[in-house]
Amino acid sequence: MTDYMNEKLNPQVMASNYDYLIIGGGMAADTAARGIREQDSFGSIGILSADSDEPYTRPALTKKLWTDSTFTEDQVALNTTKETKNTTLKLKTTVTAIEREDHRVLLEDGTSIGYKKLLLVTGGEPKRIDGPEDEKVIAFREWSDYRRLRNFSGNNQHVVIVGGGYIGAELAAGLVQNNTKVTLIYPDKILGSSQFPSELAKEYEASFREAGVELLNGRRAESYTKEDEKFTLLLDDGSTVEGDAIVISLGVSPRISLAEQSGLKIEDGVYVDEYLRTKDPDIWAAGDIAFYPDKILGRTRIEHVDHARKSGKAAGKAMAGSGEAYTYTPYFYSVVFSISWKAMGTLDSSLTTLIDDVDGGKVVYYLDDNLPVGILTWNIEPDLDTLRSILSDPPIDPQTLRGMIRSN
């Protein structure tokens, strides 16, 4: 371990007061520190993270690290403290309470740290299923989870993935391309069918089957046991699946207990205004936990990297006095095998959909009362501002949507 990292892990290095204190050590924390520095070159910044690693680019854990040989682990760290002066990071640190009146936070070790301005970017807690804790059972979320999974994948090991959302699907694709046997368990009748229209869901699912992923659709894993180094999952139809390791990918629950216990307003997430400020004038919230007013989508909470990056930056700038509202509408994206998709707004296959063939790919409009409330682009590279423009000012006749989005 370098002297630099030893310094960052030494509790004695942490000051007792900061101009800006950030609770959470993910991508929103990184961009928040950078946003603060755009407005304030000198104010002290402290970051308290429960993670064991400095802030890193989370999407790489399920994408490039598995599929791009030119992208290596030494490119994962975001170098937050190196690139934002007068910023101190404390890892493996749990905050147990916020004392709003005293402008202090209490740590699990009994110490406290003061702040002038506080940002909550505590992210999400992965959901789990019943079963014994084991190093080969991973509720996948962190860089350390990637390292564990990478260590016992390959060599034709059998990894059973529970859940077919973003992380589960991307890991299934990554693992099967790295000499790993993969079984994917998901509740949809067709993989992705809760989001994608039928024809695209079928194409999506087929790409996994053709790559050699075993697909167990229409089922949920309820629990697991371990015997003789093998895991057995019990499914809701009474059947069982055996594997060498388990990845649980059932989404996350927003970590809002700190905010709730301190008396901040909670509604789906931490309720914030257009500046990402809570009802306490010295506390902001961003990323997965923020329930914020999107200028196009309405009040919402979004769990995706684009929002984490942009809302973290906006909150940091606002804390440092920018006076700028968060007006950005984020997008979603994923890449598996030869399929690349991007989306904005509501992806709900139960809505009426209009599908437009565009430049070898497709654009799907999700309609509510004949107005688009979500847009999916499939194997094209769209101008995302065009998507924003259509959602914010849609045409009255949905048929005129055809041809409005092209590939760059």
Protein backbone atom coordinates (compact mmCIF):
# COMPACT_ATOMS: atom_id res chain seq x y z
CA MET A 1 0.00 0.00 0.00
CA THR A 2 1.39 3.42 -0.91
CA ASP A 3 2.19 6.08 1.66
CA TYR A 4 -0.51 8.15 -0.02
CA MET A 5 -3.20 5.56 0.65
CA ASN A 6 -1.91 4.94 4.18
CA GLU A 7 -2.43 8.62 4.81
CA LYS A 8 -5.99 8.43 3.52
CA LEU A 9 -6.80 5.41 5.70
CA ASN A 10 -5.29 6.88 8.87
CA PRO A 11 -8.13 8.16 11.10
CA GLN A 12 -5.77 10.70 12.65
CA VAL A 13 -5.47 12.49 9.31
CA MET A 14 -9.20 13.27 9.26
CA ALA A 15 -9.92 16.76 10.53
CA SER A 16 -12.69 17.39 13.05
CA ASN A 17 -14.45 20.01 10.91
CA TYR A 18 -14.97 20.60 7.19
CA ASP A 19 -16.45 23.34 5.08
CA TYR A 20 -18.02 20.61 2.93
CA LEU A 21 -18.66 17.11 4.24
CA ILE A 22 -19.84 14.32 1.92
CA ILE A 23 -21.35 11.09 3.25
CA GLY A 24 -20.91 8.37 0.63
CA GLY A 25 -17.97 7.48 -1.58
CA GLY A 26 -19.40 6.65 -4.99
CA MET A 27 -19.42 8.47 -8.30
CA ALA A 28 -21.74 11.19 -7.02
CA ALA A 29 -19.25 11.94 -4.24
CA ASP A 30 -16.46 12.26 -6.79
CA THR A 31 -18.33 14.67 -9.04
CA ALA A 32 -19.61 16.61 -6.02
CA ALA A 33 -16.04 17.27 -4.89
CA ARG A 34 -15.19 18.42 -8.41
CA GLY A 35 -18.30 20.61 -8.51
CA ILE A 36 -17.32 22.25 -5.23
CA ARG A 37 -13.86 22.97 -6.59
CA GLU A 38 -15.33 24.69 -9.65
CA GLN A 39 -16.88 27.24 -7.29
CA ASP A 40 -14.57 27.21 -4.28
CA SER A 41 -10.85 26.58 -4.72
CA PHE A 42 -9.92 26.49 -1.06
CA GLY A 43 -12.78 25.24 1.19
CA SER A 44 -11.95 21.97 2.94
CA ILE A 45 -13.75 18.84 1.70
CA GLY A 46 -14.17 15.62 3.66
CA ILE A 47 -15.56 12.38 2.20
CA LEU A 48 -16.77 9.60 4.51
CA SER A 49 -17.18 6.30 2.68
CA ALA A 50 -18.29 2.88 3.92
CA ASP A 51 -16.57 1.35 0.87
CA SER A 52 -13.11 -0.21 1.05
CA ASP A 53 -12.02 1.54 -2.17
CA GLU A 54 -11.69 5.15 -3.22
CA PRO A 55 -14.40 6.42 -5.63
CA TYR A 56 -14.39 4.47 -8.89
CA THR A 57 -16.23 4.16 -12.19
CA ARG A 58 -18.95 1.70 -11.28
CA PRO A 59 -20.21 0.80 -14.81
CA ALA A 60 -16.86 -0.81 -15.62
CA LEU A 61 -17.51 -3.49 -13.00
CA THR A 62 -20.18 -5.10 -15.19
CA LYS A 63 -19.08 -3.87 -18.63
CA LYS A 64 -15.55 -3.05 -19.81
CA LEU A 65 -13.59 -5.05 -17.25
CA TRP A 66 -15.19 -8.21 -18.69
CA THR A 67 -15.34 -7.33 -22.37
CA ASP A 68 -12.54 -4.88 -23.20
CA SER A 69 -9.00 -6.23 -22.80
CA THR A 70 -7.57 -2.72 -23.13
CA PHE A 71 -9.48 -1.54 -20.05
CA THR A 72 -7.75 -2.71 -16.88
CA GLU A 73 -8.34 -2.35 -13.15
CA ASP A 74 -5.81 0.45 -12.84
CA GLN A 75 -8.23 2.60 -14.87
CA VAL A 76 -11.17 2.10 -12.50
CA ALA A 77 -10.28 4.59 -9.75
CA LEU A 78 -11.45 8.18 -10.28
CA ASN A 79 -8.51 9.74 -8.40
CA THR A 80 -10.82 12.06 -6.50
CA THR A 81 -8.46 13.22 -3.77
CA LYS A 82 -5.50 13.54 -6.13
CA GLU A 83 -7.43 15.75 -8.52
CA THR A 84 -9.38 17.88 -6.02
CA LYS A 85 -7.00 19.70 -3.69
CA ASN A 86 -7.66 19.90 0.06
CA THR A 87 -9.96 16.87 -0.09
CA THR A 88 -9.64 14.11 2.52
CA LEU A 89 -11.15 10.64 2.14
CA LYS A 90 -11.87 8.23 4.99
CA LEU A 91 -12.76 4.68 3.92
CA LYS A 92 -14.51 1.86 5.80
CA THR A 93 -16.34 4.52 7.77
CA THR A 94 -19.96 4.31 8.89
CA VAL A 95 -21.91 7.39 9.90
CA THR A 96 -24.49 6.56 12.55
CA ALA A 97 -26.26 9.90 13.05
CA ILE A 98 -26.55 13.49 11.85
CA GLU A 99 -26.84 16.13 14.57
CA ARG A 100 -28.34 18.89 12.48
CA GLU A 101 -28.50 21.55 15.16
CA ASP A 102 -24.81 21.12 16.02
CA HIS A 103 -23.77 20.62 12.39
CA ARG A 104 -21.99 17.38 13.27
CA VAL A 105 -22.12 13.74 12.21
CA LEU A 106 -21.43 10.83 14.54
CA LEU A 107 -19.28 7.89 13.44
CA GLU A 108 -19.54 4.26 14.43
CA ASP A 109 -16.24 4.52 16.33
CA GLY A 110 -17.74 7.17 18.62
CA THR A 111 -16.01 10.19 17.13
CA SER A 112 -17.78 13.12 15.46
CA ILE A 113 -17.01 15.46 12.58
CA GLY A 114 -18.39 18.95 12.07
CA TYR A 115 -19.55 20.51 8.82
CA LYS A 116 -20.74 23.80 7.39
CA LYS A 117 -22.43 22.16 4.39
CA LEU A 118 -23.37 18.46 4.18
CA LEU A 119 -24.12 16.27 1.15
CA LEU A 120 -25.79 12.86 1.37
CA VAL A 121 -24.86 10.50 -1.48
CA THR A 122 -25.31 7.22 0.37
CA GLY A 123 -26.44 5.25 -2.69
CA GLY A 124 -28.33 1.96 -2.55
CA GLU A 125 -28.21 -1.23 -0.50
CA PRO A 126 -28.34 -4.41 -2.62
CA LYS A 127 -31.33 -6.67 -2.00
CA ARG A 128 -30.64 -10.24 -0.93
CA ILE A 129 -32.27 -13.65 -0.55
CA ASP A 130 -32.17 -16.05 2.39
CA GLY A 131 -29.04 -18.15 2.81
CA PRO A 132 -25.72 -18.31 4.65
CA GLU A 133 -23.08 -15.63 4.15
CA ASP A 134 -20.26 -16.89 1.97
CA GLU A 135 -17.45 -15.33 -0.08
CA LYS A 136 -18.92 -16.97 -3.18
CA VAL A 137 -22.34 -15.40 -2.70
CA ILE A 138 -22.22 -11.82 -3.92
CA ALA A 139 -24.93 -9.17 -3.84
CA PHE A 140 -23.04 -7.38 -6.58
CA ARG A 141 -22.44 -3.67 -6.06
CA GLU A 142 -18.83 -2.75 -5.25
CA TRP A 143 -15.34 -2.97 -6.75
CA SER A 144 -14.46 -5.57 -4.14
CA ASP A 145 -17.39 -7.65 -5.42
CA TYR A 146 -15.90 -7.55 -8.91
CA ARG A 147 -12.53 -8.74 -7.62
CA ARG A 148 -14.14 -11.64 -5.75
CA LEU A 149 -16.23 -12.67 -8.74
CA ARG A 150 -13.29 -12.40 -11.11
CA ASN A 151 -11.19 -14.61 -8.81
CA PHE A 152 -13.59 -17.54 -8.85
CA SER A 153 -14.99 -17.18 -12.37
CA GLY A 154 -13.46 -18.74 -15.47
CA ASN A 155 -12.16 -22.32 -15.65
CA ASN A 156 -15.71 -23.38 -16.56
CA GLN A 157 -16.96 -22.56 -13.07
CA HIS A 158 -20.75 -22.37 -12.81
CA VAL A 159 -22.12 -19.02 -11.62
CA VAL A 160 -25.85 -18.72 -10.99
CA ILE A 161 -27.16 -15.16 -11.37
CA VAL A 162 -30.40 -14.21 -9.64
CA GLY A 163 -32.15 -11.33 -11.40
CA GLY A 164 -32.21 -10.17 -15.01
CA GLY A 165 -31.94 -6.39 -14.64
CA TYR A 166 -29.02 -4.19 -15.73
CA ILE A 167 -26.37 -5.72 -13.49
CA GLY A 168 -27.54 -9.33 -13.74
CA ALA A 169 -27.80 -9.25 -17.54
CA GLU A 170 -24.48 -7.47 -18.04
CA LEU A 171 -22.66 -9.86 -15.70
CA ALA A 172 -24.21 -12.88 -17.42
CA ALA A 173 -22.92 -11.56 -20.74
CA GLY A 174 -19.49 -10.74 -19.31
CA LEU A 175 -19.02 -14.05 -17.51
CA VAL A 176 -20.09 -16.28 -20.38
CA GLN A 177 -17.50 -14.51 -22.55
CA ASN A 178 -14.85 -15.35 -19.94
CA ASN A 179 -15.00 -19.15 -19.86
CA THR A 180 -17.69 -19.31 -17.18
CA LYS A 181 -20.85 -21.39 -17.22
CA VAL A 182 -23.80 -19.10 -16.43
CA THR A 183 -27.38 -19.72 -15.39
CA LEU A 184 -29.63 -16.65 -15.30
CA ILE A 185 -32.85 -16.74 -13.24
CA TYR A 186 -35.45 -14.01 -13.83
CA PRO A 187 -39.20 -13.52 -13.36
CA ASP A 188 -40.04 -12.14 -16.82
CA LYS A 189 -41.57 -14.54 -19.33
CA ILE A 190 -39.01 -13.17 -21.81
CA LEU A 191 -35.82 -11.48 -20.60
CA GLY A 192 -36.37 -7.72 -20.58
CA SER A 193 -40.07 -8.01 -21.44
CA SER A 194 -41.16 -5.74 -18.58
CA GLN A 195 -39.23 -2.93 -20.30
CA PHE A 196 -38.89 -3.81 -23.97
CA PRO A 197 -41.64 -4.48 -26.51
CA SER A 198 -42.00 -8.14 -27.43
CA GLU A 199 -39.94 -8.16 -30.62
CA LEU A 200 -36.94 -6.51 -28.93
CA ALA A 201 -37.24 -8.61 -25.77
CA LYS A 202 -37.11 -11.74 -27.93
CA GLU A 203 -34.00 -10.46 -29.72
CA TYR A 204 -32.44 -9.53 -26.38
CA GLU A 205 -33.14 -12.93 -24.81
CA ALA A 206 -31.95 -14.79 -27.91
CA SER A 207 -28.55 -13.08 -27.71
CA PHE A 208 -27.98 -14.67 -24.28
CA ARG A 209 -29.18 -18.09 -25.34
CA GLU A 210 -26.97 -18.04 -28.45
CA ALA A 211 -23.96 -17.12 -26.28
CA GLY A 212 -24.55 -20.20 -24.12
CA VAL A 213 -26.25 -18.70 -21.06
CA GLU A 214 -28.77 -21.08 -19.50
CA LEU A 215 -32.02 -19.12 -19.08
CA LEU A 216 -34.57 -19.92 -16.38
CA ASN A 217 -37.44 -17.55 -17.11
CA GLY A 218 -40.64 -16.91 -15.16
CA ARG A 219 -39.05 -17.94 -11.89
CA ARG A 220 -37.65 -16.40 -8.72
CA ALA A 221 -35.00 -17.72 -6.36
CA GLU A 222 -36.27 -17.80 -2.79
CA SER A 223 -33.29 -19.12 -0.82
CA TYR A 224 -30.06 -21.08 -1.07
CA THR A 225 -28.01 -23.60 0.90
CA LYS A 226 -24.41 -24.80 0.69
CA GLU A 227 -23.06 -28.32 0.92
CA ASP A 228 -19.68 -29.73 -0.16
CA GLU A 229 -18.63 -26.44 -1.82
CA LYS A 230 -21.78 -26.42 -3.98
CA PHE A 231 -24.72 -24.05 -3.67
CA THR A 232 -28.32 -25.12 -4.22
CA LEU A 233 -30.95 -22.48 -4.93
CA LEU A 234 -34.61 -23.16 -4.26
CA LEU A 235 -36.91 -21.55 -6.81
CA ASP A 236 -40.52 -20.47 -6.30
CA ASP A 237 -41.84 -23.33 -8.45
CA GLY A 238 -40.16 -25.88 -6.15
CA SER A 239 -37.29 -26.67 -8.53
CA THR A 240 -33.62 -26.31 -7.59
CA VAL A 241 -30.46 -25.10 -9.33
CA GLU A 242 -26.91 -26.03 -8.34
CA GLY A 243 -23.79 -23.90 -8.92
CA ASP A 244 -20.30 -23.07 -7.72
CA ALA A 245 -21.14 -19.44 -6.90
CA ILE A 246 -24.14 -17.12 -6.72
CA VAL A 247 -24.54 -13.51 -7.84
CA ILE A 248 -27.61 -11.75 -6.48
CA SER A 249 -28.79 -8.90 -8.70
CA LEU A 250 -32.24 -7.90 -7.48
CA GLY A 251 -31.80 -4.15 -7.45
CA VAL A 252 -31.15 -1.86 -4.50
CA SER A 253 -33.04 -0.06 -1.78
CA PRO A 254 -32.05 3.60 -1.27
CA ARG A 255 -29.97 4.14 1.86
CA ILE A 256 -32.10 6.82 3.46
CA SER A 257 -32.06 5.83 7.15
CA LEU A 258 -29.60 8.60 8.11
CA ALA A 259 -31.75 11.24 6.49
CA GLU A 260 -34.93 9.77 7.95
CA GLN A 261 -33.55 9.53 11.47
CA SER A 262 -32.36 13.13 11.33
CA GLY A 263 -35.87 14.33 10.49
CA LEU A 264 -35.40 15.23 6.84
CA LYS A 265 -38.41 14.86 4.57
CA ILE A 266 -38.67 11.40 2.99
CA GLU A 267 -40.92 10.58 0.04
CA ASP A 268 -39.70 7.62 -2.04
CA GLY A 269 -36.21 9.02 -1.38
CA VAL A 270 -34.78 12.11 0.28
CA TYR A 271 -37.02 14.99 -0.77
CA VAL A 272 -35.00 17.83 -2.33
CA ASP A 273 -35.72 21.00 -4.29
CA GLU A 274 -34.45 21.97 -7.72
CA TYR A 275 -31.05 22.77 -6.18
CA LEU A 276 -30.93 19.28 -4.60
CA ARG A 277 -31.25 20.90 -1.17
CA THR A 278 -33.25 19.20 1.56
CA LYS A 279 -35.57 21.00 3.95
CA ASP A 280 -32.44 21.72 6.01
CA PRO A 281 -30.71 24.68 4.27
CA ASP A 282 -27.26 23.21 4.97
CA ILE A 283 -27.92 19.64 3.75
CA TRP A 284 -28.14 18.42 0.14
CA ALA A 285 -28.81 14.97 -1.35
CA ALA A 286 -27.94 13.53 -4.77
CA GLY A 287 -27.64 10.28 -6.69
CA ASP A 288 -29.74 7.19 -5.97
CA ILE A 289 -31.40 8.62 -2.85
CA ALA A 290 -32.57 12.00 -4.16
CA PHE A 291 -36.29 12.46 -4.89
CA TYR A 292 -35.97 15.52 -7.06
CA PRO A 293 -38.08 17.61 -9.49
CA ASP A 294 -36.98 16.71 -13.04
CA LYS A 295 -37.99 19.43 -15.47
CA ILE A 296 -39.16 16.84 -18.05
CA LEU A 297 -40.05 13.72 -16.08
CA GLY A 298 -41.57 15.38 -13.03
CA ARG A 299 -40.59 14.54 -9.47
CA THR A 300 -38.70 11.26 -9.53
CA ARG A 301 -35.85 9.20 -8.10
CA ILE A 302 -33.33 7.64 -10.48
CA GLU A 303 -30.80 4.86 -9.86
CA HIS A 304 -28.33 5.16 -12.70
CA VAL A 305 -24.79 6.32 -13.27
CA ASP A 306 -25.61 9.29 -15.52
CA HIS A 307 -27.81 10.79 -12.81
CA ALA A 308 -25.24 10.04 -10.11
CA ARG A 309 -22.53 11.89 -12.03
CA LYS A 310 -24.60 14.89 -13.02
CA SER A 311 -26.60 15.34 -9.81
CA GLY A 312 -23.45 14.97 -7.69
CA LYS A 313 -21.76 17.72 -9.71
CA ALA A 314 -24.81 19.97 -9.49
CA ALA A 315 -25.15 19.45 -5.72
CA GLY A 316 -21.46 20.22 -5.17
CA LYS A 317 -21.70 23.43 -7.16
CA ALA A 318 -24.91 24.44 -5.37
CA MET A 319 -23.33 23.82 -1.95
CA ALA A 320 -20.51 26.15 -2.94
CA GLY A 321 -22.92 28.90 -3.96
CA SER A 322 -23.39 28.51 -7.70
CA GLY A 323 -27.09 29.39 -7.53
CA GLU A 324 -27.68 26.92 -10.40
CA ALA A 325 -30.63 24.51 -10.36
CA TYR A 326 -30.29 20.88 -11.45
CA THR A 327 -32.02 20.98 -14.82
CA TYR A 328 -30.46 17.92 -16.45
CA THR A 329 -32.63 14.94 -17.44
CA PRO A 330 -30.49 11.78 -17.27
CA TYR A 331 -30.51 8.78 -19.58
CA PHE A 332 -30.05 5.04 -19.06
CA TYR A 333 -27.86 2.71 -21.10
CA SER A 334 -26.62 -0.84 -21.31
CA VAL A 335 -24.45 -2.97 -23.57
CA VAL A 336 -24.68 -6.76 -23.89
CA PHE A 337 -23.08 -8.72 -26.73
CA SER A 338 -23.92 -6.84 -29.95
CA ILE A 339 -26.87 -4.97 -28.45
CA SER A 340 -26.43 -1.40 -27.26
CA TRP A 341 -29.39 0.57 -26.01
CA LYS A 342 -30.03 3.98 -24.50
CA ALA A 343 -33.25 5.29 -23.02
CA MET A 344 -34.91 8.18 -21.26
CA GLY A 345 -38.13 8.41 -19.30
CA THR A 346 -40.51 5.54 -18.59
CA LEU A 347 -39.80 2.11 -20.11
CA ASP A 348 -42.94 0.10 -19.41
CA SER A 349 -43.93 -2.50 -21.98
CA SER A 350 -47.54 -2.42 -20.75
CA LEU A 351 -47.84 1.03 -22.33
CA THR A 352 -48.72 1.48 -26.00
CA THR A 353 -45.52 1.49 -28.04
CA LEU A 354 -44.67 2.92 -31.43
CA ILE A 355 -41.60 1.34 -33.07
CA ASP A 356 -39.65 3.22 -35.71
CA ASP A 357 -36.98 1.51 -37.85
CA VAL A 358 -33.98 3.83 -37.91
CA ASP A 359 -30.60 3.39 -39.64
CA GLY A 360 -30.36 -0.36 -38.98
CA GLY A 361 -31.67 -0.06 -35.44
CA LYS A 362 -34.94 0.92 -33.80
CA VAL A 363 -36.50 3.68 -31.75
CA VAL A 364 -39.37 2.81 -29.41
CA TYR A 365 -41.77 5.45 -28.12
CA TYR A 366 -43.76 4.59 -25.00
CA LEU A 367 -47.10 6.38 -25.18
CA ASP A 368 -49.51 7.46 -22.47
CA ASP A 369 -52.65 9.19 -23.79
CA ASN A 370 -50.89 9.29 -27.17
CA LEU A 371 -47.98 11.31 -25.76
CA PRO A 372 -44.45 9.89 -25.40
CA VAL A 373 -43.39 9.41 -21.77
CA GLY A 374 -40.33 7.29 -22.56
CA ILE A 375 -37.99 6.66 -25.49
CA LEU A 376 -35.74 3.64 -26.12
CA THR A 377 -33.07 3.66 -28.83
CA TRP A 378 -31.77 0.26 -29.96
CA ASN A 379 -28.44 -0.17 -31.75
CA ILE A 380 -28.26 3.44 -32.88
CA GLU A 381 -26.34 6.45 -31.54
CA PRO A 382 -28.95 9.16 -30.98
CA ASP A 383 -28.58 12.81 -30.13
CA LEU A 384 -29.83 12.61 -26.53
CA ASP A 385 -30.95 16.23 -26.58
CA THR A 386 -33.40 15.25 -29.32
CA LEU A 387 -34.92 12.71 -26.91
CA ARG A 388 -35.18 15.41 -24.25
CA SER A 389 -36.80 17.81 -26.70
CA ILE A 390 -39.42 15.26 -27.78
CA LEU A 391 -40.31 14.32 -24.20
CA SER A 392 -40.54 17.94 -23.06
CA ASP A 393 -42.53 19.15 -26.08
CA PRO A 394 -44.12 16.12 -27.80
CA PRO A 395 -46.15 16.32 -31.01
CA ILE A 396 -49.91 15.86 -30.69
CA ASP A 397 -50.03 13.13 -33.35
CA PRO A 398 -47.76 10.23 -32.33
CA GLN A 399 -47.36 9.12 -35.96
CA THR A 400 -45.30 12.24 -36.60
CA LEU A 401 -42.69 10.85 -34.22
CA ARG A 402 -41.43 8.60 -36.99
CA GLY A 403 -38.15 9.88 -38.36
CA MET A 404 -37.64 12.47 -35.60
CA ILE A 405 -34.69 10.54 -34.13
CA ARG A 406 -31.80 9.48 -36.34
CA SER A 407 -28.42 7.90 -35.62
CA ASN A 408 -25.47 10.26 -35.35
